[in-house]
């Protein structure tokens, strides 16, 4: 399982990372996992700047794009992509009794990827 940008790079890197996190630190870290000419699509954010290493932009030619993801046409296309098995979701899993801990981690921007609460 890949947990951060360096782990993603070690696994071969990604052409595209859909950044749905509410943590700009995690988004910045994800840049390190992009292949040359890779793209980070920002779909989530917090009220702080995204720290970007200019060397990544120049040496690896990575691009950062924003997406408001607000048109149904794009949602249908994305869901079809997922249905074809082209997307692997990375999540932190919590039991129902751990919901307060999960909430605290998400609110603090500490959750990696997405936090999922499931009742076993």
C-alpha atoms as a PDB file:
ATOM      1  CA  UNK A   1       0.000   0.000   0.000  1.00  0.00           C
ATOM      2  CA  UNK A   2       1.238   3.491  -0.839  1.00  0.00           C
ATOM      3  CA  UNK A   3       0.983   6.036   1.969  1.00  0.00           C
ATOM      4  CA  UNK A   4       2.821   9.118   0.701  1.00  0.00           C
ATOM      5  CA  UNK A   5       4.516  10.746  -2.264  1.00  0.00           C
ATOM      6  CA  UNK A   6       7.830   8.955  -1.824  1.00  0.00           C
ATOM      7  CA  UNK A   7       6.014   5.603  -1.557  1.00  0.00           C
ATOM      8  CA  UNK A   8       4.091   6.417  -4.720  1.00  0.00           C
ATOM      9  CA  UNK A   9       7.337   7.292  -6.506  1.00  0.00           C
ATOM     10  CA  UNK A  10       8.911   4.021  -5.311  1.00  0.00           C
ATOM     11  CA  UNK A  11       5.910   2.131  -6.718  1.00  0.00           C
ATOM     12  CA  UNK A  12       6.552   3.636 -10.155  1.00  0.00           C
ATOM     13  CA  UNK A  13       4.887   7.012  -9.774  1.00  0.00           C
ATOM     14  CA  UNK A  14       1.578   8.284 -11.065  1.00  0.00           C
ATOM     15  CA  UNK A  15       0.581  10.098 -14.215  1.00  0.00           C
ATOM     16  CA  UNK A  16      -2.319  11.771 -12.399  1.00  0.00           C
ATOM     17  CA  UNK A  17      -3.139  12.267  -8.734  1.00  0.00           C
ATOM     18  CA  UNK A  18      -6.645  13.441  -7.880  1.00  0.00           C
ATOM     19  CA  UNK A  19      -6.037  15.481  -4.739  1.00  0.00           C
ATOM     20  CA  UNK A  20      -9.242  15.272  -2.729  1.00  0.00           C
ATOM     21  CA  UNK A  21      -7.589  15.851   0.640  1.00  0.00           C
ATOM     22  CA  UNK A  22      -8.265  18.835   2.853  1.00  0.00           C
ATOM     23  CA  UNK A  23      -4.542  19.024   3.683  1.00  0.00           C
ATOM     24  CA  UNK A  24      -2.238  21.186   1.594  1.00  0.00           C
ATOM     25  CA  UNK A  25       0.738  19.406   3.193  1.00  0.00           C
ATOM     26  CA  UNK A  26      -0.523  16.075   1.818  1.00  0.00           C
ATOM     27  CA  UNK A  27      -1.154  17.644  -1.583  1.00  0.00           C
ATOM     28  CA  UNK A  28       2.406  19.010  -1.666  1.00  0.00           C
ATOM     29  CA  UNK A  29       3.726  15.578  -0.664  1.00  0.00           C
ATOM     30  CA  UNK A  30       1.711  13.937  -3.459  1.00  0.00           C
ATOM     31  CA  UNK A  31       3.676  16.010  -5.994  1.00  0.00           C
ATOM     32  CA  UNK A  32       6.734  13.910  -5.125  1.00  0.00           C
ATOM     33  CA  UNK A  33       4.928  10.790  -6.352  1.00  0.00           C
ATOM     34  CA  UNK A  34       4.250  12.080  -9.859  1.00  0.00           C
ATOM     35  CA  UNK A  35       6.085  10.776 -12.908  1.00  0.00           C
ATOM     36  CA  UNK A  36       7.645  13.264 -15.344  1.00  0.00           C
ATOM     37  CA  UNK A  37       4.845  15.235 -17.038  1.00  0.00           C
ATOM     38  CA  UNK A  38       2.484  14.145 -14.245  1.00  0.00           C
ATOM     39  CA  UNK A  39      -0.490  16.141 -13.070  1.00  0.00           C
ATOM     40  CA  UNK A  40      -1.901  16.924  -9.648  1.00  0.00           C
ATOM     41  CA  UNK A  41      -5.579  17.828  -9.910  1.00  0.00           C
ATOM     42  CA  UNK A  42      -6.641  19.781  -6.838  1.00  0.00           C
ATOM     43  CA  UNK A  43     -10.209  18.941  -5.866  1.00  0.00           C
ATOM     44  CA  UNK A  44      -9.989  19.693  -2.150  1.00  0.00           C
ATOM     45  CA  UNK A  45      -8.262  22.396  -0.158  1.00  0.00           C
ATOM     46  CA  UNK A  46      -7.747  24.112   3.141  1.00  0.00           C
ATOM     47  CA  UNK A  47      -7.251  27.796   3.838  1.00  0.00           C
ATOM     48  CA  UNK A  48      -3.469  27.812   3.484  1.00  0.00           C
ATOM     49  CA  UNK A  49      -1.086  28.011   0.525  1.00  0.00           C
ATOM     50  CA  UNK A  50       0.164  24.963  -1.346  1.00  0.00           C
ATOM     51  CA  UNK A  51       3.946  24.726  -0.924  1.00  0.00           C
ATOM     52  CA  UNK A  52       5.462  23.730  -4.267  1.00  0.00           C
ATOM     53  CA  UNK A  53       9.096  22.908  -4.969  1.00  0.00           C
ATOM     54  CA  UNK A  54       9.887  24.778  -8.224  1.00  0.00           C
ATOM     55  CA  UNK A  55      12.376  22.031  -9.165  1.00  0.00           C
ATOM     56  CA  UNK A  56       9.460  19.621  -9.629  1.00  0.00           C
ATOM     57  CA  UNK A  57       7.772  22.038 -11.996  1.00  0.00           C
ATOM     58  CA  UNK A  58      10.923  22.528 -14.021  1.00  0.00           C
ATOM     59  CA  UNK A  59      12.823  19.227 -13.874  1.00  0.00           C
ATOM     60  CA  UNK A  60       9.845  16.833 -13.924  1.00  0.00           C
ATOM     61  CA  UNK A  61       7.504  19.178 -15.823  1.00  0.00           C
ATOM     62  CA  UNK A  62       4.659  18.427 -13.411  1.00  0.00           C
ATOM     63  CA  UNK A  63       1.454  20.426 -13.672  1.00  0.00           C
ATOM     64  CA  UNK A  64      -1.009  21.500 -11.017  1.00  0.00           C
ATOM     65  CA  UNK A  65      -4.621  21.910 -12.072  1.00  0.00           C
ATOM     66  CA  UNK A  66      -7.763  22.884 -10.227  1.00  0.00           C
ATOM     67  CA  UNK A  67     -11.123  21.223 -10.647  1.00  0.00           C
ATOM     68  CA  UNK A  68     -14.434  22.407  -9.247  1.00  0.00           C
ATOM     69  CA  UNK A  69     -15.911  19.013 -10.244  1.00  0.00           C
ATOM     70  CA  UNK A  70     -19.297  20.633 -10.589  1.00  0.00           C
ATOM     71  CA  UNK A  71     -20.822  19.370 -13.824  1.00  0.00           C
ATOM     72  CA  UNK A  72     -22.766  16.072 -13.985  1.00  0.00           C
ATOM     73  CA  UNK A  73     -21.061  15.147 -17.264  1.00  0.00           C
ATOM     74  CA  UNK A  74     -17.712  14.898 -15.469  1.00  0.00           C
ATOM     75  CA  UNK A  75     -19.208  12.885 -12.631  1.00  0.00           C
ATOM     76  CA  UNK A  76     -20.588  10.286 -15.069  1.00  0.00           C
ATOM     77  CA  UNK A  77     -17.231  10.052 -16.813  1.00  0.00           C
ATOM     78  CA  UNK A  78     -15.395   9.652 -13.498  1.00  0.00           C
ATOM     79  CA  UNK A  79     -17.826   6.996 -12.258  1.00  0.00           C
ATOM     80  CA  UNK A  80     -17.414   5.051 -15.501  1.00  0.00           C
ATOM     81  CA  UNK A  81     -13.636   5.199 -15.058  1.00  0.00           C
ATOM     82  CA  UNK A  82     -14.022   3.789 -11.531  1.00  0.00           C
ATOM     83  CA  UNK A  83     -16.478   1.103 -12.691  1.00  0.00           C
ATOM     84  CA  UNK A  84     -13.909  -0.113 -15.215  1.00  0.00           C
ATOM     85  CA  UNK A  85     -11.453  -0.717 -12.340  1.00  0.00           C
ATOM     86  CA  UNK A  86      -9.114   2.115 -13.292  1.00  0.00           C
ATOM     87  CA  UNK A  87      -9.092   3.732  -9.827  1.00  0.00           C
ATOM     88  CA  UNK A  88      -7.894   2.348  -6.520  1.00  0.00           C
ATOM     89  CA  UNK A  89      -9.132   4.277  -3.502  1.00  0.00           C
ATOM     90  CA  UNK A  90      -6.777   4.676  -0.552  1.00  0.00           C
ATOM     91  CA  UNK A  91      -8.418   5.118   2.821  1.00  0.00           C
ATOM     92  CA  UNK A  92      -7.869   4.970   6.552  1.00  0.00           C
ATOM     93  CA  UNK A  93     -10.396   2.644   8.151  1.00  0.00           C
ATOM     94  CA  UNK A  94     -11.951   3.173  11.581  1.00  0.00           C
ATOM     95  CA  UNK A  95     -14.414   1.153  13.609  1.00  0.00           C
ATOM     96  CA  UNK A  96     -17.635   2.895  14.617  1.00  0.00           C
ATOM     97  CA  UNK A  97     -16.361   3.340  18.179  1.00  0.00           C
ATOM     98  CA  UNK A  98     -13.320   5.190  16.737  1.00  0.00           C
ATOM     99  CA  UNK A  99     -15.456   7.825  14.964  1.00  0.00           C
ATOM    100  CA  UNK A 100     -14.389  10.680  17.280  1.00  0.00           C
ATOM    101  CA  UNK A 101     -10.706   9.910  16.594  1.00  0.00           C
ATOM    102  CA  UNK A 102     -11.359   9.783  12.845  1.00  0.00           C
ATOM    103  CA  UNK A 103     -13.182  13.120  12.985  1.00  0.00           C
ATOM    104  CA  UNK A 104     -10.317  14.737  14.930  1.00  0.00           C
ATOM    105  CA  UNK A 105      -7.749  13.512  12.380  1.00  0.00           C
ATOM    106  CA  UNK A 106      -9.798  14.797   9.437  1.00  0.00           C
ATOM    107  CA  UNK A 107     -10.490  18.159  11.125  1.00  0.00           C
ATOM    108  CA  UNK A 108      -6.763  18.568  11.866  1.00  0.00           C
ATOM    109  CA  UNK A 109      -5.785  17.671   8.282  1.00  0.00           C
ATOM    110  CA  UNK A 110      -3.898  14.605   9.541  1.00  0.00           C
ATOM    111  CA  UNK A 111      -5.891  11.872   7.793  1.00  0.00           C
ATOM    112  CA  UNK A 112      -4.055  10.308   4.878  1.00  0.00           C
ATOM    113  CA  UNK A 113      -6.340  10.208   1.846  1.00  0.00           C
ATOM    114  CA  UNK A 114      -9.882   9.530   3.177  1.00  0.00           C
ATOM    115  CA  UNK A 115     -11.165   8.362   6.565  1.00  0.00           C
ATOM    116  CA  UNK A 116     -13.841   5.674   6.397  1.00  0.00           C
ATOM    117  CA  UNK A 117     -15.948   4.602   9.359  1.00  0.00           C
ATOM    118  CA  UNK A 118     -17.433   1.122   9.128  1.00  0.00           C
ATOM    119  CA  UNK A 119     -19.436  -0.955  11.531  1.00  0.00           C
ATOM    120  CA  UNK A 120     -18.070  -4.531  11.365  1.00  0.00           C
END
